[in-house]
């Protein structure tokens, strides 16, 4: 169905003026429509990724401190040191660890002995 109306519009993506034949046309071409869609999808993915990252970063330390057995990353957060420094302490024998399969676990009391 075609119409005889001609409306001046501005493309949402490239911001160029064009003549639209319907009142709901938003883009000057199919190519601009595709590019704008891809940009919106990309922004949505970045936003959800940022939310997940903030959630992981802001994990309360009180939740971690309530545990008796900690993982390497949790122990790093409590001690405020890097993973490399924590591995150096375990390799020197300063900090005792236990392996459960491939996971390395640290008792909280061993961390307290290290600090005190």
PDB file of N, CA and C in Angstrom:
ATOM      1  N   UNK A   1       0.848  -1.165   0.000  1.00  0.00           N
ATOM      2  CA  UNK A   1       0.000   0.000   0.000  1.00  0.00           C
ATOM      3  C   UNK A   1       0.897   1.232   0.000  1.00  0.00           C
ATOM      4  N   UNK A   2       0.720   2.068  -0.913  1.00  0.00           N
ATOM      5  CA  UNK A   2       1.510   3.292  -0.973  1.00  0.00           C
ATOM      6  C   UNK A   2       0.600   4.489  -0.741  1.00  0.00           C
ATOM      7  N   UNK A   3       1.218   5.552  -0.312  1.00  0.00           N
ATOM      8  CA  UNK A   3       0.436   6.757  -0.064  1.00  0.00           C
ATOM      9  C   UNK A   3       1.025   7.911  -0.872  1.00  0.00           C
ATOM     10  N   UNK A   4       0.263   8.945  -1.010  1.00  0.00           N
ATOM     11  CA  UNK A   4       0.711  10.097  -1.773  1.00  0.00           C
ATOM     12  C   UNK A   4       1.266  11.207  -0.890  1.00  0.00           C
ATOM     13  N   UNK A   5       1.309  10.977   0.438  1.00  0.00           N
ATOM     14  CA  UNK A   5       1.813  12.026   1.319  1.00  0.00           C
ATOM     15  C   UNK A   5       3.331  12.023   1.314  1.00  0.00           C
ATOM     16  N   UNK A   6       3.900  13.189   1.537  1.00  0.00           N
ATOM     17  CA  UNK A   6       5.356  13.321   1.626  1.00  0.00           C
ATOM     18  C   UNK A   6       5.649  14.210   2.832  1.00  0.00           C
ATOM     19  N   UNK A   7       6.380  13.646   3.799  1.00  0.00           N
ATOM     20  CA  UNK A   7       6.679  14.342   5.050  1.00  0.00           C
ATOM     21  C   UNK A   7       8.192  14.446   5.197  1.00  0.00           C
ATOM     22  N   UNK A   8       8.668  15.611   5.540  1.00  0.00           N
ATOM     23  CA  UNK A   8      10.107  15.782   5.808  1.00  0.00           C
ATOM     24  C   UNK A   8      10.406  15.243   7.202  1.00  0.00           C
ATOM     25  N   UNK A   9      11.363  14.349   7.291  1.00  0.00           N
ATOM     26  CA  UNK A   9      11.766  13.734   8.555  1.00  0.00           C
ATOM     27  C   UNK A   9      13.270  13.832   8.708  1.00  0.00           C
ATOM     28  N   UNK A  10      13.730  13.574   9.930  1.00  0.00           N
ATOM     29  CA  UNK A  10      15.153  13.497  10.226  1.00  0.00           C
ATOM     30  C   UNK A  10      15.437  12.073  10.693  1.00  0.00           C
ATOM     31  N   UNK A  11      16.397  11.437  10.101  1.00  0.00           N
ATOM     32  CA  UNK A  11      16.758  10.055  10.424  1.00  0.00           C
ATOM     33  C   UNK A  11      17.272   9.992  11.866  1.00  0.00           C
ATOM     34  N   UNK A  12      16.817   9.002  12.637  1.00  0.00           N
ATOM     35  CA  UNK A  12      17.254   8.858  14.028  1.00  0.00           C
ATOM     36  C   UNK A  12      18.720   8.448  14.135  1.00  0.00           C
ATOM     37  N   UNK A  13      19.242   7.806  13.113  1.00  0.00           N
ATOM     38  CA  UNK A  13      20.623   7.324  13.184  1.00  0.00           C
ATOM     39  C   UNK A  13      21.616   8.326  12.603  1.00  0.00           C
ATOM     40  N   UNK A  14      21.427   8.716  11.351  1.00  0.00           N
ATOM     41  CA  UNK A  14      22.422   9.572  10.678  1.00  0.00           C
ATOM     42  C   UNK A  14      22.090  11.063  10.757  1.00  0.00           C
ATOM     43  N   UNK A  15      20.911  11.404  11.255  1.00  0.00           N
ATOM     44  CA  UNK A  15      20.485  12.803  11.449  1.00  0.00           C
ATOM     45  C   UNK A  15      20.359  13.591  10.143  1.00  0.00           C
ATOM     46  N   UNK A  16      20.174  12.920   9.028  1.00  0.00           N
ATOM     47  CA  UNK A  16      19.978  13.597   7.745  1.00  0.00           C
ATOM     48  C   UNK A  16      18.482  13.708   7.454  1.00  0.00           C
ATOM     49  N   UNK A  17      18.132  14.747   6.731  1.00  0.00           N
ATOM     50  CA  UNK A  17      16.730  14.937   6.349  1.00  0.00           C
ATOM     51  C   UNK A  17      16.382  14.015   5.182  1.00  0.00           C
ATOM     52  N   UNK A  18      15.139  13.513   5.184  1.00  0.00           N
ATOM     53  CA  UNK A  18      14.669  12.684   4.089  1.00  0.00           C
ATOM     54  C   UNK A  18      13.158  12.846   3.966  1.00  0.00           C
ATOM     55  N   UNK A  19      12.616  12.411   2.874  1.00  0.00           N
ATOM     56  CA  UNK A  19      11.174  12.494   2.639  1.00  0.00           C
ATOM     57  C   UNK A  19      10.564  11.133   2.959  1.00  0.00           C
ATOM     58  N   UNK A  20       9.646  11.139   3.934  1.00  0.00           N
ATOM     59  CA  UNK A  20       8.974   9.902   4.337  1.00  0.00           C
ATOM     60  C   UNK A  20       7.625   9.824   3.654  1.00  0.00           C
ATOM     61  N   UNK A  21       7.193   8.618   3.364  1.00  0.00           N
ATOM     62  CA  UNK A  21       5.900   8.425   2.712  1.00  0.00           C
ATOM     63  C   UNK A  21       4.838   7.957   3.708  1.00  0.00           C
ATOM     64  N   UNK A  22       5.250   7.698   4.958  1.00  0.00           N
ATOM     65  CA  UNK A  22       4.283   7.356   6.004  1.00  0.00           C
ATOM     66  C   UNK A  22       4.581   8.208   7.233  1.00  0.00           C
ATOM     67  N   UNK A  23       3.671   8.222   8.165  1.00  0.00           N
ATOM     68  CA  UNK A  23       3.842   9.061   9.358  1.00  0.00           C
ATOM     69  C   UNK A  23       4.679   8.380  10.432  1.00  0.00           C
ATOM     70  N   UNK A  24       4.969   7.115  10.283  1.00  0.00           N
ATOM     71  CA  UNK A  24       5.711   6.381  11.310  1.00  0.00           C
ATOM     72  C   UNK A  24       7.155   6.081  10.910  1.00  0.00           C
ATOM     73  N   UNK A  25       7.595   6.490   9.768  1.00  0.00           N
ATOM     74  CA  UNK A  25       8.962   6.234   9.306  1.00  0.00           C
ATOM     75  C   UNK A  25       9.949   7.000  10.169  1.00  0.00           C
ATOM     76  N   UNK A  26      10.997   6.289  10.636  1.00  0.00           N
ATOM     77  CA  UNK A  26      11.983   6.903  11.528  1.00  0.00           C
ATOM     78  C   UNK A  26      13.380   6.976  10.916  1.00  0.00           C
ATOM     79  N   UNK A  27      13.655   6.166   9.914  1.00  0.00           N
ATOM     80  CA  UNK A  27      14.993   6.070   9.346  1.00  0.00           C
ATOM     81  C   UNK A  27      14.948   6.367   7.847  1.00  0.00           C
ATOM     82  N   UNK A  28      16.049   6.885   7.337  1.00  0.00           N
ATOM     83  CA  UNK A  28      16.106   7.218   5.916  1.00  0.00           C
ATOM     84  C   UNK A  28      16.285   5.983   5.045  1.00  0.00           C
ATOM     85  N   UNK A  29      16.857   4.920   5.622  1.00  0.00           N
ATOM     86  CA  UNK A  29      17.081   3.705   4.838  1.00  0.00           C
ATOM     87  C   UNK A  29      17.074   2.485   5.752  1.00  0.00           C
ATOM     88  N   UNK A  30      17.029   1.331   5.139  1.00  0.00           N
ATOM     89  CA  UNK A  30      17.081   0.075   5.889  1.00  0.00           C
ATOM     90  C   UNK A  30      18.446  -0.078   6.571  1.00  0.00           C
ATOM     91  N   UNK A  31      19.485   0.417   5.922  1.00  0.00           N
ATOM     92  CA  UNK A  31      20.837   0.338   6.466  1.00  0.00           C
ATOM     93  C   UNK A  31      20.952   1.118   7.782  1.00  0.00           C
ATOM     94  N   UNK A  32      20.382   2.329   7.828  1.00  0.00           N
ATOM     95  CA  UNK A  32      20.396   3.131   9.061  1.00  0.00           C
ATOM     96  C   UNK A  32      19.591   2.432  10.154  1.00  0.00           C
ATOM     97  N   UNK A  33      18.495   1.810   9.771  1.00  0.00           N
ATOM     98  CA  UNK A  33      17.673   1.076  10.728  1.00  0.00           C
ATOM     99  C   UNK A  33      18.483  -0.051  11.355  1.00  0.00           C
ATOM    100  N   UNK A  34      19.204  -0.818  10.547  1.00  0.00           N
ATOM    101  CA  UNK A  34      20.010  -1.928  11.045  1.00  0.00           C
ATOM    102  C   UNK A  34      21.119  -1.446  11.961  1.00  0.00           C
ATOM    103  N   UNK A  35      21.811  -0.396  11.581  1.00  0.00           N
ATOM    104  CA  UNK A  35      22.920   0.118  12.385  1.00  0.00           C
ATOM    105  C   UNK A  35      22.430   0.636  13.738  1.00  0.00           C
ATOM    106  N   UNK A  36      21.288   1.320  13.739  1.00  0.00           N
ATOM    107  CA  UNK A  36      20.747   1.836  14.998  1.00  0.00           C
ATOM    108  C   UNK A  36      20.305   0.693  15.897  1.00  0.00           C
ATOM    109  N   UNK A  37      19.713  -0.346  15.320  1.00  0.00           N
ATOM    110  CA  UNK A  37      19.304  -1.520  16.082  1.00  0.00           C
ATOM    111  C   UNK A  37      20.511  -2.196  16.724  1.00  0.00           C
ATOM    112  N   UNK A  38      21.571  -2.377  15.948  1.00  0.00           N
ATOM    113  CA  UNK A  38      22.774  -3.016  16.482  1.00  0.00           C
ATOM    114  C   UNK A  38      23.391  -2.180  17.599  1.00  0.00           C
ATOM    115  N   UNK A  39      23.367  -0.870  17.453  1.00  0.00           N
ATOM    116  CA  UNK A  39      23.906   0.017  18.488  1.00  0.00           C
ATOM    117  C   UNK A  39      23.091  -0.101  19.777  1.00  0.00           C
ATOM    118  N   UNK A  40      21.750  -0.179  19.651  1.00  0.00           N
ATOM    119  CA  UNK A  40      20.902  -0.321  20.841  1.00  0.00           C
ATOM    120  C   UNK A  40      21.139  -1.658  21.529  1.00  0.00           C
ATOM    121  N   UNK A  41      21.291  -2.734  20.766  1.00  0.00           N
ATOM    122  CA  UNK A  41      21.547  -4.047  21.346  1.00  0.00           C
ATOM    123  C   UNK A  41      22.888  -4.044  22.072  1.00  0.00           C
ATOM    124  N   UNK A  42      23.896  -3.442  21.455  1.00  0.00           N
ATOM    125  CA  UNK A  42      25.224  -3.368  22.060  1.00  0.00           C
ATOM    126  C   UNK A  42      25.184  -2.594  23.377  1.00  0.00           C
ATOM    127  N   UNK A  43      24.482  -1.460  23.402  1.00  0.00           N
ATOM    128  CA  UNK A  43      24.348  -0.669  24.623  1.00  0.00           C
ATOM    129  C   UNK A  43      23.656  -1.464  25.720  1.00  0.00           C
ATOM    130  N   UNK A  44      22.649  -2.240  25.351  1.00  0.00           N
ATOM    131  CA  UNK A  44      21.945  -3.076  26.325  1.00  0.00           C
ATOM    132  C   UNK A  44      22.849  -4.130  26.927  1.00  0.00           C
ATOM    133  N   UNK A  45      23.669  -4.762  26.088  1.00  0.00           N
ATOM    134  CA  UNK A  45      24.599  -5.786  26.585  1.00  0.00           C
ATOM    135  C   UNK A  45      25.647  -5.168  27.506  1.00  0.00           C
ATOM    136  N   UNK A  46      26.145  -3.996  27.145  1.00  0.00           N
ATOM    137  CA  UNK A  46      27.138  -3.317  27.980  1.00  0.00           C
ATOM    138  C   UNK A  46      26.526  -2.948  29.328  1.00  0.00           C
ATOM    139  N   UNK A  47      25.292  -2.482  29.316  1.00  0.00           N
ATOM    140  CA  UNK A  47      24.623  -2.089  30.554  1.00  0.00           C
ATOM    141  C   UNK A  47      24.426  -3.285  31.490  1.00  0.00           C
ATOM    142  N   UNK A  48      23.987  -4.424  30.945  1.00  0.00           N
ATOM    143  CA  UNK A  48      23.803  -5.605  31.789  1.00  0.00           C
ATOM    144  C   UNK A  48      25.141  -6.119  32.308  1.00  0.00           C
ATOM    145  N   UNK A  49      26.184  -6.033  31.486  1.00  0.00           N
ATOM    146  CA  UNK A  49      27.508  -6.452  31.928  1.00  0.00           C
ATOM    147  C   UNK A  49      28.013  -5.563  33.056  1.00  0.00           C
ATOM    148  N   UNK A  50      27.799  -4.262  32.938  1.00  0.00           N
ATOM    149  CA  UNK A  50      28.217  -3.339  33.990  1.00  0.00           C
ATOM    150  C   UNK A  50      27.471  -3.602  35.289  1.00  0.00           C
ATOM    151  N   UNK A  51      26.184  -3.923  35.205  1.00  0.00           N
ATOM    152  CA  UNK A  51      25.407  -4.229  36.407  1.00  0.00           C
ATOM    153  C   UNK A  51      25.946  -5.477  37.096  1.00  0.00           C
ATOM    154  N   UNK A  52      26.294  -6.505  36.313  1.00  0.00           N
ATOM    155  CA  UNK A  52      26.835  -7.730  36.885  1.00  0.00           C
ATOM    156  C   UNK A  52      28.184  -7.473  37.540  1.00  0.00           C
ATOM    157  N   UNK A  53      29.012  -6.643  36.910  1.00  0.00           N
ATOM    158  CA  UNK A  53      30.321  -6.328  37.456  1.00  0.00           C
ATOM    159  C   UNK A  53      30.182  -5.586  38.780  1.00  0.00           C
ATOM    160  N   UNK A  54      29.288  -4.614  38.839  1.00  0.00           N
ATOM    161  CA  UNK A  54      29.071  -3.867  40.080  1.00  0.00           C
ATOM    162  C   UNK A  54      28.562  -4.788  41.176  1.00  0.00           C
ATOM    163  N   UNK A  55      27.705  -5.736  40.834  1.00  0.00           N
ATOM    164  CA  UNK A  55      27.172  -6.678  41.817  1.00  0.00           C
ATOM    165  C   UNK A  55      28.286  -7.525  42.416  1.00  0.00           C
ATOM    166  N   UNK A  56      29.217  -7.969  41.586  1.00  0.00           N
ATOM    167  CA  UNK A  56      30.336  -8.792  42.066  1.00  0.00           C
ATOM    168  C   UNK A  56      31.290  -7.960  42.919  1.00  0.00           C
ATOM    169  N   UNK A  57      31.568  -6.737  42.486  1.00  0.00           N
ATOM    170  CA  UNK A  57      32.504  -5.878  43.217  1.00  0.00           C
ATOM    171  C   UNK A  57      31.946  -5.494  44.578  1.00  0.00           C
ATOM    172  N   UNK A  58      30.660  -5.226  44.637  1.00  0.00           N
ATOM    173  CA  UNK A  58      30.060  -4.750  45.867  1.00  0.00           C
ATOM    174  C   UNK A  58      29.562  -5.867  46.766  1.00  0.00           C
ATOM    175  N   UNK A  59      30.075  -7.077  46.573  1.00  0.00           N
ATOM    176  CA  UNK A  59      29.700  -8.169  47.455  1.00  0.00           C
ATOM    177  C   UNK A  59      30.176  -7.822  48.868  1.00  0.00           C
ATOM    178  N   UNK A  60      29.268  -7.769  49.817  1.00  0.00           N
ATOM    179  CA  UNK A  60      29.658  -7.331  51.157  1.00  0.00           C
ATOM    180  C   UNK A  60      30.708  -8.242  51.784  1.00  0.00           C
ATOM    181  N   UNK A  61      31.679  -7.621  52.399  1.00  0.00           N
ATOM    182  CA  UNK A  61      32.742  -8.378  53.067  1.00  0.00           C
ATOM    183  C   UNK A  61      32.183  -9.113  54.279  1.00  0.00           C
ATOM    184  N   UNK A  62      31.111  -8.586  54.875  1.00  0.00           N
ATOM    185  CA  UNK A  62      30.512  -9.256  56.031  1.00  0.00           C
ATOM    186  C   UNK A  62      30.011 -10.653  55.662  1.00  0.00           C
ATOM    187  N   UNK A  63      29.514 -10.828  54.431  1.00  0.00           N
ATOM    188  CA  UNK A  63      29.094 -12.163  53.984  1.00  0.00           C
ATOM    189  C   UNK A  63      30.289 -13.107  53.913  1.00  0.00           C
ATOM    190  N   UNK A  64      31.398 -12.578  53.448  1.00  0.00           N
ATOM    191  CA  UNK A  64      32.611 -13.390  53.339  1.00  0.00           C
ATOM    192  C   UNK A  64      33.158 -13.713  54.721  1.00  0.00           C
ATOM    193  N   UNK A  65      33.134 -12.744  55.618  1.00  0.00           N
ATOM    194  CA  UNK A  65      33.683 -12.954  56.956  1.00  0.00           C
ATOM    195  C   UNK A  65      32.869 -13.948  57.771  1.00  0.00           C
ATOM    196  N   UNK A  66      31.634 -14.189  57.410  1.00  0.00           N
ATOM    197  CA  UNK A  66      30.802 -15.143  58.127  1.00  0.00           C
ATOM    198  C   UNK A  66      31.207 -16.586  57.816  1.00  0.00           C
ATOM    199  N   UNK A  67      31.929 -16.809  56.751  1.00  0.00           N
ATOM    200  CA  UNK A  67      32.334 -18.162  56.366  1.00  0.00           C
ATOM    201  C   UNK A  67      33.552 -18.617  57.165  1.00  0.00           C
ATOM    202  N   UNK A  68      33.663 -19.935  57.362  1.00  0.00           N
ATOM    203  CA  UNK A  68      34.830 -20.508  58.041  1.00  0.00           C
ATOM    204  C   UNK A  68      35.906 -20.927  57.055  1.00  0.00           C
ATOM    205  N   UNK A  69      35.490 -21.307  55.843  1.00  0.00           N
ATOM    206  CA  UNK A  69      36.431 -21.730  54.806  1.00  0.00           C
ATOM    207  C   UNK A  69      36.262 -20.796  53.620  1.00  0.00           C
ATOM    208  N   UNK A  70      37.376 -20.281  53.115  1.00  0.00           N
ATOM    209  CA  UNK A  70      37.344 -19.264  52.068  1.00  0.00           C
ATOM    210  C   UNK A  70      38.057 -19.744  50.811  1.00  0.00           C
ATOM    211  N   UNK A  71      37.659 -19.176  49.702  1.00  0.00           N
ATOM    212  CA  UNK A  71      38.375 -19.409  48.455  1.00  0.00           C
ATOM    213  C   UNK A  71      39.510 -18.393  48.358  1.00  0.00           C
ATOM    214  N   UNK A  72      40.330 -18.536  47.328  1.00  0.00           N
ATOM    215  CA  UNK A  72      41.464 -17.630  47.136  1.00  0.00           C
ATOM    216  C   UNK A  72      40.986 -16.193  46.947  1.00  0.00           C
ATOM    217  N   UNK A  73      39.972 -15.991  46.105  1.00  0.00           N
ATOM    218  CA  UNK A  73      39.497 -14.629  45.835  1.00  0.00           C
ATOM    219  C   UNK A  73      38.875 -13.993  47.070  1.00  0.00           C
ATOM    220  N   UNK A  74      38.167 -14.776  47.880  1.00  0.00           N
ATOM    221  CA  UNK A  74      37.573 -14.239  49.104  1.00  0.00           C
ATOM    222  C   UNK A  74      38.651 -13.860  50.116  1.00  0.00           C
ATOM    223  N   UNK A  75      39.694 -14.684  50.206  1.00  0.00           N
ATOM    224  CA  UNK A  75      40.790 -14.373  51.115  1.00  0.00           C
ATOM    225  C   UNK A  75      41.520 -13.108  50.673  1.00  0.00           C
ATOM    226  N   UNK A  76      41.642 -12.916  49.372  1.00  0.00           N
ATOM    227  CA  UNK A  76      42.270 -11.702  48.849  1.00  0.00           C
ATOM    228  C   UNK A  76      41.464 -10.466  49.228  1.00  0.00           C
ATOM    229  N   UNK A  77      40.141 -10.572  49.168  1.00  0.00           N
ATOM    230  CA  UNK A  77      39.296  -9.433  49.536  1.00  0.00           C
ATOM    231  C   UNK A  77      39.431  -9.107  51.017  1.00  0.00           C
ATOM    232  N   UNK A  78      39.475 -10.123  51.861  1.00  0.00           N
ATOM    233  CA  UNK A  78      39.582  -9.878  53.298  1.00  0.00           C
ATOM    234  C   UNK A  78      40.929  -9.258  53.647  1.00  0.00           C
ATOM    235  N   UNK A  79      41.997  -9.771  53.068  1.00  0.00           N
ATOM    236  CA  UNK A  79      43.337  -9.267  53.376  1.00  0.00           C
ATOM    237  C   UNK A  79      43.699  -8.018  52.582  1.00  0.00           C
ATOM    238  N   UNK A  80      42.929  -7.714  51.552  1.00  0.00           N
ATOM    239  CA  UNK A  80      43.200  -6.575  50.654  1.00  0.00           C
ATOM    240  C   UNK A  80      44.576  -6.690  49.997  1.00  0.00           C
ATOM    241  N   UNK A  81      44.848  -7.877  49.495  1.00  0.00           N
ATOM    242  CA  UNK A  81      46.094  -8.111  48.766  1.00  0.00           C
ATOM    243  C   UNK A  81      45.753  -8.761  47.430  1.00  0.00           C
ATOM    244  N   UNK A  82      46.717  -8.817  46.549  1.00  0.00           N
ATOM    245  CA  UNK A  82      46.490  -9.414  45.234  1.00  0.00           C
ATOM    246  C   UNK A  82      46.588 -10.939  45.311  1.00  0.00           C
ATOM    247  N   UNK A  83      46.105 -11.573  44.262  1.00  0.00           N
ATOM    248  CA  UNK A  83      46.184 -13.035  44.204  1.00  0.00           C
ATOM    249  C   UNK A  83      47.641 -13.511  44.186  1.00  0.00           C
ATOM    250  N   UNK A  84      48.483 -12.745  43.498  1.00  0.00           N
ATOM    251  CA  UNK A  84      49.897 -13.113  43.420  1.00  0.00           C
ATOM    252  C   UNK A  84      50.538 -13.114  44.805  1.00  0.00           C
ATOM    253  N   UNK A  85      50.227 -12.103  45.595  1.00  0.00           N
ATOM    254  CA  UNK A  85      50.777 -12.027  46.949  1.00  0.00           C
ATOM    255  C   UNK A  85      50.277 -13.194  47.802  1.00  0.00           C
ATOM    256  N   UNK A  86      49.000 -13.547  47.655  1.00  0.00           N
ATOM    257  CA  UNK A  86      48.445 -14.655  48.430  1.00  0.00           C
ATOM    258  C   UNK A  86      49.080 -15.978  48.012  1.00  0.00           C
ATOM    259  N   UNK A  87      49.285 -16.158  46.709  1.00  0.00           N
ATOM    260  CA  UNK A  87      49.954 -17.385  46.258  1.00  0.00           C
ATOM    261  C   UNK A  87      51.393 -17.447  46.751  1.00  0.00           C
ATOM    262  N   UNK A  88      52.055 -16.297  46.815  1.00  0.00           N
ATOM    263  CA  UNK A  88      53.422 -16.257  47.334  1.00  0.00           C
ATOM    264  C   UNK A  88      53.442 -16.722  48.791  1.00  0.00           C
ATOM    265  N   UNK A  89      52.461 -16.293  49.578  1.00  0.00           N
ATOM    266  CA  UNK A  89      52.375 -16.709  50.977  1.00  0.00           C
ATOM    267  C   UNK A  89      52.126 -18.209  51.095  1.00  0.00           C
ATOM    268  N   UNK A  90      51.309 -18.770  50.216  1.00  0.00           N
ATOM    269  CA  UNK A  90      51.040 -20.208  50.280  1.00  0.00           C
ATOM    270  C   UNK A  90      52.251 -21.019  49.815  1.00  0.00           C
ATOM    271  N   UNK A  91      52.963 -20.536  48.814  1.00  0.00           N
ATOM    272  CA  UNK A  91      54.142 -21.262  48.323  1.00  0.00           C
ATOM    273  C   UNK A  91      55.292 -21.213  49.320  1.00  0.00           C
ATOM    274  N   UNK A  92      55.409 -20.126  50.085  1.00  0.00           N
ATOM    275  CA  UNK A  92      56.451 -20.017  51.104  1.00  0.00           C
ATOM    276  C   UNK A  92      56.154 -20.884  52.312  1.00  0.00           C
ATOM    277  N   UNK A  93      54.920 -21.326  52.469  1.00  0.00           N
ATOM    278  CA  UNK A  93      54.533 -22.108  53.636  1.00  0.00           C
ATOM    279  C   UNK A  93      54.034 -21.229  54.774  1.00  0.00           C
ATOM    280  N   UNK A  94      53.929 -19.941  54.556  1.00  0.00           N
ATOM    281  CA  UNK A  94      53.439 -19.024  55.584  1.00  0.00           C
ATOM    282  C   UNK A  94      51.952 -19.226  55.825  1.00  0.00           C
ATOM    283  N   UNK A  95      51.215 -19.564  54.795  1.00  0.00           N
ATOM    284  CA  UNK A  95      49.768 -19.749  54.883  1.00  0.00           C
ATOM    285  C   UNK A  95      49.428 -21.159  54.428  1.00  0.00           C
ATOM    286  N   UNK A  96      48.709 -21.886  55.273  1.00  0.00           N
ATOM    287  CA  UNK A  96      48.320 -23.257  54.940  1.00  0.00           C
ATOM    288  C   UNK A  96      47.046 -23.253  54.107  1.00  0.00           C
ATOM    289  N   UNK A  97      47.018 -24.128  53.111  1.00  0.00           N
ATOM    290  CA  UNK A  97      45.839 -24.275  52.252  1.00  0.00           C
ATOM    291  C   UNK A  97      45.478 -25.743  52.147  1.00  0.00           C
ATOM    292  N   UNK A  98      44.264 -25.991  51.693  1.00  0.00           N
ATOM    293  CA  UNK A  98      43.806 -27.356  51.445  1.00  0.00           C
ATOM    294  C   UNK A  98      43.234 -27.402  50.036  1.00  0.00           C
ATOM    295  N   UNK A  99      43.499 -28.506  49.340  1.00  0.00           N
ATOM    296  CA  UNK A  99      42.967 -28.663  47.994  1.00  0.00           C
ATOM    297  C   UNK A  99      41.796 -29.632  48.042  1.00  0.00           C
ATOM    298  N   UNK A 100      40.725 -29.225  47.405  1.00  0.00           N
ATOM    299  CA  UNK A 100      39.558 -30.071  47.275  1.00  0.00           C
ATOM    300  C   UNK A 100      39.285 -30.183  45.778  1.00  0.00           C
ATOM    301  N   UNK A 101      39.807 -31.223  45.172  1.00  0.00           N
ATOM    302  CA  UNK A 101      39.764 -31.332  43.715  1.00  0.00           C
ATOM    303  C   UNK A 101      40.717 -30.311  43.130  1.00  0.00           C
ATOM    304  N   UNK A 102      40.193 -29.414  42.310  1.00  0.00           N
ATOM    305  CA  UNK A 102      41.020 -28.357  41.737  1.00  0.00           C
ATOM    306  C   UNK A 102      40.931 -27.068  42.543  1.00  0.00           C
ATOM    307  N   UNK A 103      40.009 -27.019  43.501  1.00  0.00           N
ATOM    308  CA  UNK A 103      39.816 -25.800  44.288  1.00  0.00           C
ATOM    309  C   UNK A 103      40.799 -25.733  45.446  1.00  0.00           C
ATOM    310  N   UNK A 104      41.298 -24.543  45.700  1.00  0.00           N
ATOM    311  CA  UNK A 104      42.180 -24.307  46.831  1.00  0.00           C
ATOM    312  C   UNK A 104      41.383 -23.551  47.878  1.00  0.00           C
ATOM    313  N   UNK A 105      41.331 -24.097  49.088  1.00  0.00           N
ATOM    314  CA  UNK A 105      40.552 -23.495  50.165  1.00  0.00           C
ATOM    315  C   UNK A 105      41.468 -23.108  51.321  1.00  0.00           C
ATOM    316  N   UNK A 106      41.079 -22.055  52.026  1.00  0.00           N
ATOM    317  CA  UNK A 106      41.862 -21.539  53.140  1.00  0.00           C
ATOM    318  C   UNK A 106      40.938 -21.419  54.340  1.00  0.00           C
ATOM    319  N   UNK A 107      41.404 -21.905  55.488  1.00  0.00           N
ATOM    320  CA  UNK A 107      40.615 -21.759  56.705  1.00  0.00           C
ATOM    321  C   UNK A 107      40.748 -20.329  57.219  1.00  0.00           C
ATOM    322  N   UNK A 108      39.677 -19.832  57.777  1.00  0.00           N
ATOM    323  CA  UNK A 108      39.665 -18.458  58.282  1.00  0.00           C
ATOM    324  C   UNK A 108      40.611 -18.313  59.472  1.00  0.00           C
ATOM    325  N   UNK A 109      40.720 -19.337  60.299  1.00  0.00           N
ATOM    326  CA  UNK A 109      41.596 -19.256  61.457  1.00  0.00           C
ATOM    327  C   UNK A 109      43.072 -19.154  61.017  1.00  0.00           C
ATOM    328  N   UNK A 110      43.425 -19.765  59.871  1.00  0.00           N
ATOM    329  CA  UNK A 110      44.789 -19.632  59.358  1.00  0.00           C
ATOM    330  C   UNK A 110      45.071 -18.198  58.921  1.00  0.00           C
ATOM    331  N   UNK A 111      44.080 -17.537  58.354  1.00  0.00           N
ATOM    332  CA  UNK A 111      44.244 -16.131  57.976  1.00  0.00           C
ATOM    333  C   UNK A 111      44.440 -15.244  59.213  1.00  0.00           C
ATOM    334  N   UNK A 112      43.659 -15.544  60.252  1.00  0.00           N
ATOM    335  CA  UNK A 112      43.772 -14.761  61.489  1.00  0.00           C
ATOM    336  C   UNK A 112      45.143 -14.940  62.122  1.00  0.00           C
ATOM    337  N   UNK A 113      45.688 -16.161  62.083  1.00  0.00           N
ATOM    338  CA  UNK A 113      47.036 -16.412  62.608  1.00  0.00           C
ATOM    339  C   UNK A 113      48.077 -15.638  61.814  1.00  0.00           C
ATOM    340  N   UNK A 114      47.873 -15.544  60.498  1.00  0.00           N
ATOM    341  CA  UNK A 114      48.804 -14.829  59.642  1.00  0.00           C
ATOM    342  C   UNK A 114      48.832 -13.346  59.981  1.00  0.00           C
ATOM    343  N   UNK A 115      47.661 -12.771  60.200  1.00  0.00           N
ATOM    344  CA  UNK A 115      47.567 -11.336  60.462  1.00  0.00           C
ATOM    345  C   UNK A 115      48.046 -11.006  61.868  1.00  0.00           C
ATOM    346  N   UNK A 116      47.719 -11.838  62.827  1.00  0.00           N
ATOM    347  CA  UNK A 116      48.093 -11.564  64.219  1.00  0.00           C
ATOM    348  C   UNK A 116      49.450 -12.058  64.516  1.00  0.00           C
TER     349      UNK A 116
END
